[in-house]
Amino acid sequence: MQLSSSEPCVVILTEKEVEVSVNNHATFTLPKNYLAAFACNNNVIELSTLNHVLITHINRNIINDYLLFLNKKLTCVKPWSRLATPVIACHSRTPEVFRLAANHSKQQPSKPCEAELTRALLFTVLSDFLEQSRFIALLMYILRSSVRDSVCRIIQSDIQHYWNLRIVASSLCLSPSLLKKKLKTKIPAIARLSQSVVCVTPYRCY
């Protein structure tokens, strides 16, 4: 059974052992009552069994807000390897909360309070993975498609740091020249990037 979503990230809760294969690589087993977070974009995810009630769909805005909420220096996070299987798993400590989050993630909130409840529930689901050392790297990998957003996210994680092009490029595993080229395709001048994050960001590019 193939797992798919219109969102970049999906988290599932297992009711029994589940065999998983990602991009036709070696199959692995998720034990009962486990959570697994998958990067969905451009990945083929096959599961031996799947309960659609126990699937949480997480969009880019939630992931970005969650990384800001954690207030971690993202420059200290080793980037996710492109060769690694894009999944993190852990034991579920709050299965009932997950069920609520899964239900809310499939609905379109009609009131601000409903949107905030959904956001809080999804944050709780994501927090179950925090003991997994590579989880933050996986979230950054999921958001990797926009270079500009990735740069903004890194700067926001340590707003007082004196940024330059070399440091930011290193955090993204890019050369300074390649990062500069990518940014220039998104905005007319790199200097504007700092203004879009915060007007007082000590960010300069050489």
N, C-alpha and C. Protein backbone atom coordinates (compact mmCIF):
# COMPACT_ATOMS: atom_id res chain seq x y z
N MET A 1 0.85 -1.19 0.00
CA MET A 1 0.00 0.00 0.00
C MET A 1 0.89 1.25 0.00
N GLN A 2 0.64 2.15 -0.91
CA GLN A 2 1.50 3.33 -1.04
C GLN A 2 0.99 4.49 -0.20
N LEU A 3 1.93 5.13 0.50
CA LEU A 3 1.61 6.30 1.32
C LEU A 3 1.87 7.56 0.49
N SER A 4 0.88 8.41 0.40
CA SER A 4 1.06 9.65 -0.36
C SER A 4 0.33 10.78 0.34
N SER A 5 0.74 12.00 0.03
CA SER A 5 0.13 13.17 0.65
C SER A 5 0.41 14.40 -0.20
N SER A 6 -0.46 15.37 -0.11
CA SER A 6 -0.22 16.65 -0.78
C SER A 6 0.73 17.52 0.04
N GLU A 7 0.99 17.11 1.28
CA GLU A 7 1.90 17.84 2.16
C GLU A 7 3.29 17.21 2.13
N PRO A 8 4.33 17.95 2.50
CA PRO A 8 5.69 17.43 2.41
C PRO A 8 6.06 16.43 3.49
N CYS A 9 5.27 16.37 4.57
CA CYS A 9 5.59 15.47 5.68
C CYS A 9 4.34 14.73 6.14
N VAL A 10 4.51 13.45 6.40
CA VAL A 10 3.43 12.63 6.94
C VAL A 10 3.97 11.86 8.14
N VAL A 11 3.17 11.80 9.20
CA VAL A 11 3.51 10.99 10.37
C VAL A 11 2.42 9.94 10.53
N ILE A 12 2.83 8.67 10.71
CA ILE A 12 1.86 7.60 10.91
C ILE A 12 2.05 6.99 12.29
N LEU A 13 0.99 6.36 12.79
CA LEU A 13 1.03 5.60 14.04
C LEU A 13 0.67 4.16 13.71
N THR A 14 1.49 3.21 14.14
CA THR A 14 1.24 1.81 13.82
C THR A 14 0.37 1.15 14.89
N GLU A 15 -0.57 0.33 14.43
CA GLU A 15 -1.41 -0.46 15.34
C GLU A 15 -0.84 -1.86 15.52
N LYS A 16 0.02 -2.25 14.60
CA LYS A 16 0.71 -3.54 14.65
C LYS A 16 2.00 -3.40 13.85
N GLU A 17 2.79 -4.45 13.77
CA GLU A 17 4.04 -4.38 13.00
C GLU A 17 3.74 -4.05 11.54
N VAL A 18 4.53 -3.14 11.00
CA VAL A 18 4.33 -2.70 9.62
C VAL A 18 5.66 -2.78 8.86
N GLU A 19 5.64 -3.42 7.71
CA GLU A 19 6.81 -3.48 6.84
C GLU A 19 6.84 -2.22 5.96
N VAL A 20 8.01 -1.61 5.88
CA VAL A 20 8.14 -0.34 5.16
C VAL A 20 9.26 -0.42 4.13
N SER A 21 9.01 0.12 2.96
CA SER A 21 10.04 0.25 1.94
C SER A 21 9.96 1.66 1.36
N VAL A 22 11.10 2.33 1.27
CA VAL A 22 11.15 3.69 0.73
C VAL A 22 12.05 3.69 -0.51
N ASN A 23 11.49 4.11 -1.62
CA ASN A 23 12.23 4.19 -2.89
C ASN A 23 12.84 2.85 -3.29
N ASN A 24 12.10 1.77 -2.99
CA ASN A 24 12.50 0.40 -3.34
C ASN A 24 13.79 -0.05 -2.67
N HIS A 25 14.15 0.61 -1.57
CA HIS A 25 15.32 0.17 -0.81
C HIS A 25 14.92 -0.97 0.11
N ALA A 26 15.87 -1.46 0.88
CA ALA A 26 15.63 -2.59 1.78
C ALA A 26 14.46 -2.32 2.72
N THR A 27 13.63 -3.33 2.91
CA THR A 27 12.47 -3.21 3.79
C THR A 27 12.89 -3.22 5.25
N PHE A 28 12.22 -2.41 6.07
CA PHE A 28 12.44 -2.45 7.51
C PHE A 28 11.09 -2.52 8.21
N THR A 29 11.11 -2.90 9.50
CA THR A 29 9.88 -3.12 10.24
C THR A 29 9.68 -2.06 11.32
N LEU A 30 8.48 -1.50 11.35
CA LEU A 30 8.08 -0.60 12.44
C LEU A 30 7.29 -1.42 13.45
N PRO A 31 7.69 -1.41 14.73
CA PRO A 31 6.95 -2.16 15.75
C PRO A 31 5.57 -1.55 16.00
N LYS A 32 4.78 -2.24 16.77
CA LYS A 32 3.45 -1.75 17.16
C LYS A 32 3.59 -0.51 18.03
N ASN A 33 2.65 0.41 17.89
CA ASN A 33 2.61 1.66 18.66
C ASN A 33 3.85 2.53 18.44
N TYR A 34 4.27 2.60 17.19
CA TYR A 34 5.41 3.45 16.81
C TYR A 34 4.94 4.57 15.91
N LEU A 35 5.63 5.70 16.04
CA LEU A 35 5.43 6.81 15.12
C LEU A 35 6.54 6.79 14.08
N ALA A 36 6.21 7.17 12.87
CA ALA A 36 7.22 7.31 11.82
C ALA A 36 6.92 8.57 11.02
N ALA A 37 7.92 9.44 10.91
CA ALA A 37 7.79 10.68 10.14
C ALA A 37 8.50 10.49 8.80
N PHE A 38 7.79 10.72 7.72
CA PHE A 38 8.32 10.53 6.37
C PHE A 38 8.39 11.86 5.62
N ALA A 39 9.46 12.03 4.85
CA ALA A 39 9.52 13.11 3.86
C ALA A 39 8.84 12.58 2.61
N CYS A 40 7.75 13.19 2.20
CA CYS A 40 6.93 12.64 1.11
C CYS A 40 7.35 13.08 -0.28
N ASN A 41 7.84 14.29 -0.42
CA ASN A 41 8.12 14.83 -1.75
C ASN A 41 9.14 13.98 -2.50
N ASN A 42 8.75 13.52 -3.69
CA ASN A 42 9.64 12.77 -4.58
C ASN A 42 10.12 11.45 -3.99
N ASN A 43 9.38 10.90 -3.03
CA ASN A 43 9.73 9.62 -2.43
C ASN A 43 8.57 8.65 -2.57
N VAL A 44 8.89 7.39 -2.89
CA VAL A 44 7.88 6.34 -3.00
C VAL A 44 7.90 5.53 -1.71
N ILE A 45 6.82 5.60 -0.95
CA ILE A 45 6.75 4.97 0.37
C ILE A 45 5.71 3.86 0.33
N GLU A 46 6.15 2.63 0.56
CA GLU A 46 5.26 1.47 0.53
C GLU A 46 5.15 0.88 1.94
N LEU A 47 3.91 0.63 2.37
CA LEU A 47 3.64 0.05 3.69
C LEU A 47 2.84 -1.24 3.52
N SER A 48 3.13 -2.24 4.38
CA SER A 48 2.40 -3.50 4.29
C SER A 48 0.94 -3.34 4.70
N THR A 49 0.66 -2.40 5.58
CA THR A 49 -0.70 -2.10 6.01
C THR A 49 -0.79 -0.64 6.42
N LEU A 50 -1.96 -0.06 6.28
CA LEU A 50 -2.09 1.37 6.56
C LEU A 50 -3.51 1.69 6.99
N ASN A 51 -3.64 2.31 8.17
CA ASN A 51 -4.93 2.79 8.65
C ASN A 51 -4.98 4.28 8.39
N HIS A 52 -5.84 4.71 7.48
CA HIS A 52 -5.88 6.11 7.07
C HIS A 52 -6.30 7.05 8.20
N VAL A 53 -6.91 6.48 9.23
CA VAL A 53 -7.29 7.30 10.39
C VAL A 53 -6.05 7.72 11.17
N LEU A 54 -4.99 6.91 11.07
CA LEU A 54 -3.79 7.16 11.87
C LEU A 54 -2.68 7.78 11.03
N ILE A 55 -3.04 8.73 10.21
CA ILE A 55 -2.08 9.48 9.39
C ILE A 55 -2.25 10.96 9.68
N THR A 56 -1.14 11.62 9.97
CA THR A 56 -1.14 13.07 10.19
C THR A 56 -0.39 13.74 9.05
N HIS A 57 -1.02 14.71 8.41
CA HIS A 57 -0.41 15.45 7.30
C HIS A 57 0.09 16.79 7.83
N ILE A 58 1.37 17.08 7.59
CA ILE A 58 1.98 18.28 8.17
C ILE A 58 2.54 19.16 7.06
N ASN A 59 2.08 20.40 7.01
CA ASN A 59 2.49 21.30 5.93
C ASN A 59 3.78 22.06 6.26
N ARG A 60 4.27 22.78 5.27
CA ARG A 60 5.54 23.50 5.41
C ARG A 60 5.46 24.59 6.48
N ASN A 61 4.33 25.27 6.56
CA ASN A 61 4.21 26.35 7.55
C ASN A 61 4.32 25.82 8.97
N ILE A 62 3.69 24.67 9.23
CA ILE A 62 3.77 24.07 10.57
C ILE A 62 5.21 23.69 10.89
N ILE A 63 5.90 23.08 9.94
CA ILE A 63 7.28 22.67 10.17
C ILE A 63 8.17 23.88 10.42
N ASN A 64 8.00 24.91 9.61
CA ASN A 64 8.79 26.13 9.78
C ASN A 64 8.52 26.78 11.13
N ASP A 65 7.25 26.88 11.52
CA ASP A 65 6.90 27.45 12.82
C ASP A 65 7.46 26.61 13.96
N TYR A 66 7.46 25.30 13.77
CA TYR A 66 7.96 24.41 14.82
C TYR A 66 9.47 24.60 15.02
N LEU A 67 10.20 24.73 13.94
CA LEU A 67 11.65 24.97 14.06
C LEU A 67 11.93 26.29 14.76
N LEU A 68 11.14 27.31 14.46
CA LEU A 68 11.30 28.59 15.15
C LEU A 68 10.93 28.46 16.63
N PHE A 69 9.89 27.69 16.91
CA PHE A 69 9.45 27.45 18.28
C PHE A 69 10.55 26.77 19.11
N LEU A 70 11.30 25.86 18.49
CA LEU A 70 12.36 25.15 19.22
C LEU A 70 13.51 26.07 19.59
N ASN A 71 13.70 27.14 18.81
CA ASN A 71 14.73 28.14 19.10
C ASN A 71 16.12 27.51 19.18
N LYS A 72 16.43 26.67 18.21
CA LYS A 72 17.74 26.02 18.15
C LYS A 72 18.61 26.69 17.09
N LYS A 73 19.91 26.66 17.30
CA LYS A 73 20.85 27.17 16.31
C LYS A 73 20.99 26.13 15.21
N LEU A 74 20.36 26.38 14.09
CA LEU A 74 20.32 25.39 13.02
C LEU A 74 21.66 25.21 12.33
N THR A 75 22.57 26.16 12.52
CA THR A 75 23.91 26.00 11.94
C THR A 75 24.66 24.86 12.59
N CYS A 76 24.23 24.46 13.78
CA CYS A 76 24.89 23.37 14.50
C CYS A 76 24.36 22.00 14.09
N VAL A 77 23.34 21.97 13.25
CA VAL A 77 22.71 20.71 12.85
C VAL A 77 23.39 20.18 11.59
N LYS A 78 23.90 18.97 11.67
CA LYS A 78 24.52 18.34 10.51
C LYS A 78 23.45 18.04 9.47
N PRO A 79 23.62 18.49 8.23
CA PRO A 79 22.58 18.29 7.21
C PRO A 79 22.25 16.82 6.97
N TRP A 80 21.02 16.57 6.63
CA TRP A 80 20.55 15.22 6.32
C TRP A 80 21.22 14.73 5.04
N SER A 81 21.72 13.50 5.08
CA SER A 81 22.38 12.93 3.91
C SER A 81 21.36 12.60 2.83
N ARG A 82 21.68 12.95 1.61
CA ARG A 82 20.78 12.65 0.49
C ARG A 82 20.64 11.15 0.26
N LEU A 83 21.60 10.37 0.77
CA LEU A 83 21.57 8.92 0.59
C LEU A 83 20.78 8.22 1.69
N ALA A 84 20.47 8.95 2.75
CA ALA A 84 19.75 8.35 3.88
C ALA A 84 18.26 8.19 3.56
N THR A 85 17.65 7.14 4.09
CA THR A 85 16.21 6.95 3.93
C THR A 85 15.49 8.05 4.70
N PRO A 86 14.61 8.82 4.04
CA PRO A 86 14.00 10.00 4.67
C PRO A 86 12.87 9.66 5.63
N VAL A 87 13.22 9.02 6.74
CA VAL A 87 12.23 8.65 7.75
C VAL A 87 12.90 8.61 9.12
N ILE A 88 12.15 9.00 10.14
CA ILE A 88 12.57 8.89 11.54
C ILE A 88 11.44 8.19 12.28
N ALA A 89 11.78 7.24 13.16
CA ALA A 89 10.76 6.51 13.91
C ALA A 89 11.06 6.54 15.40
N CYS A 90 10.00 6.46 16.19
CA CYS A 90 10.15 6.42 17.65
C CYS A 90 8.89 5.83 18.27
N HIS A 91 9.01 5.43 19.52
CA HIS A 91 7.84 4.91 20.25
C HIS A 91 6.86 6.05 20.51
N SER A 92 5.58 5.76 20.38
CA SER A 92 4.56 6.79 20.62
C SER A 92 4.22 6.85 22.10
N ARG A 93 4.47 8.01 22.69
CA ARG A 93 4.16 8.20 24.12
C ARG A 93 2.78 8.80 24.32
N THR A 94 2.21 9.36 23.27
CA THR A 94 0.90 10.02 23.39
C THR A 94 -0.01 9.61 22.23
N PRO A 95 -0.37 8.32 22.13
CA PRO A 95 -1.19 7.88 20.99
C PRO A 95 -2.55 8.56 20.89
N GLU A 96 -3.16 8.90 22.02
CA GLU A 96 -4.47 9.55 21.97
C GLU A 96 -4.35 10.97 21.41
N VAL A 97 -3.27 11.65 21.77
CA VAL A 97 -3.03 12.98 21.20
C VAL A 97 -2.82 12.86 19.70
N PHE A 98 -2.09 11.81 19.30
CA PHE A 98 -1.85 11.62 17.86
C PHE A 98 -3.16 11.43 17.11
N ARG A 99 -4.07 10.66 17.68
CA ARG A 99 -5.36 10.43 17.01
C ARG A 99 -6.12 11.75 16.81
N LEU A 100 -6.07 12.61 17.82
CA LEU A 100 -6.71 13.92 17.69
C LEU A 100 -6.03 14.75 16.61
N ALA A 101 -4.69 14.73 16.63
CA ALA A 101 -3.93 15.51 15.64
C ALA A 101 -4.21 15.02 14.23
N ALA A 102 -4.28 13.70 14.05
CA ALA A 102 -4.55 13.13 12.74
C ALA A 102 -5.91 13.57 12.23
N ASN A 103 -6.88 13.58 13.10
CA ASN A 103 -8.24 14.00 12.73
C ASN A 103 -8.26 15.48 12.34
N HIS A 104 -7.61 16.32 13.15
CA HIS A 104 -7.61 17.76 12.88
C HIS A 104 -6.80 18.11 11.63
N SER A 105 -5.74 17.34 11.36
CA SER A 105 -4.88 17.67 10.21
C SER A 105 -5.60 17.47 8.88
N LYS A 106 -6.68 16.70 8.89
CA LYS A 106 -7.43 16.43 7.66
C LYS A 106 -8.58 17.42 7.46
N GLN A 107 -8.79 18.30 8.43
CA GLN A 107 -9.91 19.23 8.37
C GLN A 107 -9.42 20.65 8.08
N GLN A 108 -10.28 21.42 7.47
CA GLN A 108 -10.00 22.83 7.23
C GLN A 108 -10.61 23.63 8.37
N PRO A 109 -9.78 24.25 9.23
CA PRO A 109 -10.34 24.97 10.38
C PRO A 109 -11.19 26.16 9.94
N SER A 110 -12.33 26.32 10.58
CA SER A 110 -13.23 27.43 10.24
C SER A 110 -13.08 28.60 11.19
N LYS A 111 -12.41 28.38 12.32
CA LYS A 111 -12.23 29.43 13.31
C LYS A 111 -10.76 29.50 13.73
N PRO A 112 -10.29 30.68 14.13
CA PRO A 112 -8.90 30.81 14.58
C PRO A 112 -8.55 29.86 15.72
N CYS A 113 -9.47 29.63 16.64
CA CYS A 113 -9.18 28.74 17.77
C CYS A 113 -8.96 27.31 17.30
N GLU A 114 -9.67 26.89 16.23
CA GLU A 114 -9.49 25.55 15.69
C GLU A 114 -8.12 25.42 15.03
N ALA A 115 -7.70 26.46 14.34
CA ALA A 115 -6.38 26.46 13.70
C ALA A 115 -5.28 26.36 14.74
N GLU A 116 -5.43 27.09 15.84
CA GLU A 116 -4.43 27.06 16.91
C GLU A 116 -4.40 25.71 17.61
N LEU A 117 -5.58 25.09 17.77
CA LEU A 117 -5.63 23.76 18.38
C LEU A 117 -4.91 22.75 17.50
N THR A 118 -5.17 22.81 16.20
CA THR A 118 -4.49 21.91 15.27
C THR A 118 -2.98 22.11 15.33
N ARG A 119 -2.56 23.35 15.35
CA ARG A 119 -1.13 23.68 15.42
C ARG A 119 -0.51 23.10 16.69
N ALA A 120 -1.17 23.26 17.83
CA ALA A 120 -0.65 22.75 19.10
C ALA A 120 -0.57 21.22 19.09
N LEU A 121 -1.57 20.57 18.52
CA LEU A 121 -1.57 19.11 18.45
C LEU A 121 -0.43 18.61 17.56
N LEU A 122 -0.22 19.27 16.43
CA LEU A 122 0.86 18.87 15.52
C LEU A 122 2.22 19.11 16.15
N PHE A 123 2.37 20.19 16.88
CA PHE A 123 3.62 20.44 17.61
C PHE A 123 3.89 19.31 18.60
N THR A 124 2.84 18.83 19.28
CA THR A 124 2.99 17.74 20.24
C THR A 124 3.43 16.46 19.54
N VAL A 125 2.85 16.18 18.38
CA VAL A 125 3.24 15.00 17.61
C VAL A 125 4.71 15.09 17.22
N LEU A 126 5.13 16.23 16.69
CA LEU A 126 6.53 16.41 16.28
C LEU A 126 7.48 16.30 17.47
N SER A 127 7.04 16.75 18.63
CA SER A 127 7.91 16.74 19.81
C SER A 127 8.21 15.34 20.30
N ASP A 128 7.39 14.36 19.92
CA ASP A 128 7.69 12.97 20.29
C ASP A 128 9.01 12.50 19.69
N PHE A 129 9.45 13.16 18.62
CA PHE A 129 10.67 12.73 17.92
C PHE A 129 11.93 13.43 18.41
N LEU A 130 11.82 14.34 19.34
CA LEU A 130 12.96 15.19 19.69
C LEU A 130 14.15 14.43 20.26
N GLU A 131 13.92 13.26 20.83
CA GLU A 131 15.03 12.47 21.35
C GLU A 131 15.82 11.79 20.23
N GLN A 132 15.30 11.82 19.02
CA GLN A 132 16.01 11.26 17.87
C GLN A 132 16.98 12.31 17.33
N SER A 133 18.25 12.00 17.35
CA SER A 133 19.29 13.00 17.08
C SER A 133 19.21 13.61 15.69
N ARG A 134 18.64 12.90 14.72
CA ARG A 134 18.63 13.41 13.35
C ARG A 134 17.28 14.01 12.96
N PHE A 135 16.39 14.17 13.92
CA PHE A 135 15.04 14.63 13.58
C PHE A 135 15.03 16.05 13.03
N ILE A 136 15.76 16.96 13.67
CA ILE A 136 15.79 18.35 13.19
C ILE A 136 16.37 18.40 11.78
N ALA A 137 17.39 17.58 11.54
CA ALA A 137 17.98 17.52 10.19
C ALA A 137 16.95 17.05 9.17
N LEU A 138 16.10 16.10 9.55
CA LEU A 138 15.07 15.63 8.63
C LEU A 138 14.07 16.74 8.32
N LEU A 139 13.67 17.50 9.33
CA LEU A 139 12.73 18.61 9.09
C LEU A 139 13.35 19.64 8.15
N MET A 140 14.62 19.94 8.35
CA MET A 140 15.29 20.90 7.46
C MET A 140 15.38 20.34 6.04
N TYR A 141 15.60 19.04 5.94
CA TYR A 141 15.65 18.37 4.63
C TYR A 141 14.29 18.47 3.93
N ILE A 142 13.22 18.29 4.69
CA ILE A 142 11.87 18.37 4.13
C ILE A 142 11.60 19.77 3.57
N LEU A 143 12.18 20.79 4.20
CA LEU A 143 11.96 22.18 3.77
C LEU A 143 13.00 22.67 2.77
N ARG A 144 13.84 21.79 2.29
CA ARG A 144 15.03 22.19 1.53
C ARG A 144 14.72 22.81 0.17
N SER A 145 13.51 22.64 -0.37
CA SER A 145 13.25 23.04 -1.75
C SER A 145 13.43 24.54 -1.99
N SER A 146 13.23 25.36 -0.98
CA SER A 146 13.39 26.80 -1.14
C SER A 146 14.68 27.25 -0.47
N VAL A 147 15.66 27.63 -1.29
CA VAL A 147 16.94 28.07 -0.73
C VAL A 147 16.75 29.33 0.10
N ARG A 148 15.95 30.25 -0.41
CA ARG A 148 15.73 31.51 0.31
C ARG A 148 15.13 31.24 1.69
N ASP A 149 14.12 30.35 1.75
CA ASP A 149 13.51 30.02 3.04
C ASP A 149 14.51 29.37 3.98
N SER A 150 15.38 28.52 3.43
CA SER A 150 16.38 27.85 4.25
C SER A 150 17.36 28.85 4.85
N VAL A 151 17.76 29.83 4.05
CA VAL A 151 18.67 30.87 4.54
C VAL A 151 18.00 31.69 5.63
N CYS A 152 16.76 32.09 5.39
CA CYS A 152 16.02 32.86 6.40
C CYS A 152 15.89 32.08 7.69
N ARG A 153 15.63 30.79 7.58
CA ARG A 153 15.44 29.94 8.76
C ARG A 153 16.73 29.88 9.58
N ILE A 154 17.86 29.73 8.91
CA ILE A 154 19.14 29.65 9.60
C ILE A 154 19.45 30.97 10.31
N ILE A 155 19.23 32.08 9.63
CA ILE A 155 19.49 33.39 10.23
C ILE A 155 18.58 33.61 11.44
N GLN A 156 17.32 33.24 11.32
CA GLN A 156 16.38 33.43 12.42
C GLN A 156 16.73 32.57 13.63
N SER A 157 17.42 31.46 13.40
CA SER A 157 17.76 30.58 14.52
C SER A 157 18.82 31.18 15.43
N ASP A 158 19.56 32.18 14.94
CA ASP A 158 20.57 32.86 15.76
C ASP A 158 20.68 34.30 15.25
N ILE A 159 19.71 35.09 15.59
CA ILE A 159 19.55 36.42 15.01
C ILE A 159 20.69 37.37 15.37
N GLN A 160 21.41 37.09 16.47
CA GLN A 160 22.48 37.99 16.92
C GLN A 160 23.83 37.67 16.27
N HIS A 161 23.88 36.56 15.57
CA HIS A 161 25.15 36.15 14.97
C HIS A 161 25.54 37.09 13.82
N TYR A 162 26.84 37.29 13.64
CA TYR A 162 27.32 38.10 12.52
C TYR A 162 27.44 37.18 11.30
N TRP A 163 26.45 37.23 10.43
CA TRP A 163 26.40 36.30 9.31
C TRP A 163 27.18 36.80 8.10
N ASN A 164 27.75 35.86 7.37
CA ASN A 164 28.30 36.17 6.05
C ASN A 164 27.97 35.02 5.10
N LEU A 165 28.21 35.21 3.85
CA LEU A 165 27.82 34.24 2.84
C LEU A 165 28.48 32.88 3.06
N ARG A 166 29.74 32.90 3.48
CA ARG A 166 30.48 31.64 3.67
C ARG A 166 29.85 30.79 4.77
N ILE A 167 29.49 31.42 5.89
CA ILE A 167 28.92 30.69 7.02
C ILE A 167 27.56 30.09 6.65
N VAL A 168 26.73 30.90 6.00
CA VAL A 168 25.40 30.41 5.61
C VAL A 168 25.53 29.28 4.59
N ALA A 169 26.41 29.45 3.62
CA ALA A 169 26.60 28.42 2.59
C ALA A 169 27.08 27.11 3.21
N SER A 170 28.00 27.21 4.17
CA SER A 170 28.51 26.02 4.84
C SER A 170 27.39 25.28 5.56
N SER A 171 26.47 26.01 6.17
CA SER A 171 25.35 25.40 6.88
C SER A 171 24.42 24.64 5.94
N LEU A 172 24.40 25.06 4.67
CA LEU A 172 23.53 24.43 3.68
C LEU A 172 24.29 23.44 2.80
N CYS A 173 25.56 23.20 3.13
CA CYS A 173 26.41 22.30 2.34
C CYS A 173 26.52 22.76 0.89
N LEU A 174 26.65 24.07 0.73
CA LEU A 174 26.83 24.66 -0.59
C LEU A 174 28.10 25.49 -0.59
N SER A 175 28.64 25.73 -1.77
CA SER A 175 29.76 26.66 -1.87
C SER A 175 29.19 28.08 -1.84
N PRO A 176 29.97 29.07 -1.36
CA PRO A 176 29.47 30.45 -1.35
C PRO A 176 29.03 30.93 -2.73
N SER A 177 29.78 30.55 -3.76
CA SER A 177 29.42 31.01 -5.11
C SER A 177 28.10 30.41 -5.58
N LEU A 178 27.87 29.12 -5.24
CA LEU A 178 26.63 28.47 -5.66
C LEU A 178 25.44 29.06 -4.90
N LEU A 179 25.61 29.32 -3.61
CA LEU A 179 24.53 29.92 -2.83
C LEU A 179 24.19 31.30 -3.38
N LYS A 180 25.22 32.08 -3.70
CA LYS A 180 25.00 33.42 -4.24
C LYS A 180 24.22 33.35 -5.55
N LYS A 181 24.58 32.37 -6.38
CA LYS A 181 23.90 32.20 -7.66
C LYS A 181 22.43 31.82 -7.45
N LYS A 182 22.18 30.90 -6.51
CA LYS A 182 20.81 30.47 -6.23
C LYS A 182 19.97 31.61 -5.69
N LEU A 183 20.56 32.40 -4.81
CA LEU A 183 19.81 33.52 -4.22
C LEU A 183 19.48 34.58 -5.26
N LYS A 184 20.40 34.81 -6.18
CA LYS A 184 20.17 35.85 -7.18
C LYS A 184 19.05 35.47 -8.14
N THR A 185 18.72 34.19 -8.21
CA THR A 185 17.59 33.79 -9.05
C THR A 185 16.27 34.02 -8.33
N LYS A 186 16.34 34.24 -7.01
CA LYS A 186 15.13 34.44 -6.22
C LYS A 186 14.87 35.92 -5.93
N ILE A 187 15.94 36.68 -5.70
CA ILE A 187 15.79 38.09 -5.34
C ILE A 187 16.87 38.89 -6.04
N PRO A 188 16.64 40.18 -6.32
CA PRO A 188 17.60 40.99 -7.07
C PRO A 188 18.94 41.15 -6.38
N ALA A 189 18.93 41.24 -5.06
CA ALA A 189 20.19 41.47 -4.34
C ALA A 189 20.18 40.69 -3.04
N ILE A 190 21.31 40.10 -2.69
CA ILE A 190 21.39 39.30 -1.47
C ILE A 190 21.11 40.16 -0.25
N ALA A 191 21.47 41.42 -0.31
CA ALA A 191 21.27 42.29 0.85
C ALA A 191 19.81 42.35 1.27
N ARG A 192 18.89 42.19 0.32
CA ARG A 192 17.47 42.26 0.66
C ARG A 192 17.04 41.10 1.55
N LEU A 193 17.79 40.02 1.48
CA LEU A 193 17.44 38.85 2.27
C LEU A 193 17.44 39.18 3.75
N SER A 194 18.43 39.91 4.19
CA SER A 194 18.50 40.26 5.61
C SER A 194 17.32 41.12 6.02
N GLN A 195 16.88 42.00 5.13
CA GLN A 195 15.75 42.86 5.45
C GLN A 195 14.46 42.07 5.55
N SER A 196 14.35 40.97 4.79
CA SER A 196 13.13 40.17 4.84
C SER A 196 13.06 39.35 6.12
N VAL A 197 14.20 39.13 6.77
CA VAL A 197 14.21 38.37 8.02
C VAL A 197 13.92 39.31 9.17
N VAL A 198 14.76 40.33 9.30
CA VAL A 198 14.55 41.35 10.33
C VAL A 198 15.48 42.50 9.99
N CYS A 199 15.03 43.69 10.17
CA CYS A 199 15.78 44.85 9.67
C CYS A 199 17.11 45.03 10.38
N VAL A 200 17.27 44.47 11.58
CA VAL A 200 18.51 44.68 12.32
C VAL A 200 19.43 43.48 12.26
N THR A 201 19.12 42.48 11.43
CA THR A 201 19.97 41.30 11.37
C THR A 201 21.38 41.67 10.92
N PRO A 202 22.42 41.29 11.71
CA PRO A 202 23.79 41.61 11.33
C PRO A 202 24.29 40.66 10.26
N TYR A 203 23.66 40.68 9.08
CA TYR A 203 23.97 39.76 8.01
C TYR A 203 24.63 40.51 6.86
N ARG A 204 25.80 40.06 6.47
CA ARG A 204 26.49 40.69 5.35
C ARG A 204 27.06 39.60 4.47
N CYS A 205 27.15 39.87 3.20
CA CYS A 205 27.71 38.91 2.26
C CYS A 205 28.90 39.55 1.57
N TYR A 206 29.92 38.76 1.46
CA TYR A 206 31.13 39.25 0.81
C TYR A 206 31.28 38.59 -0.54
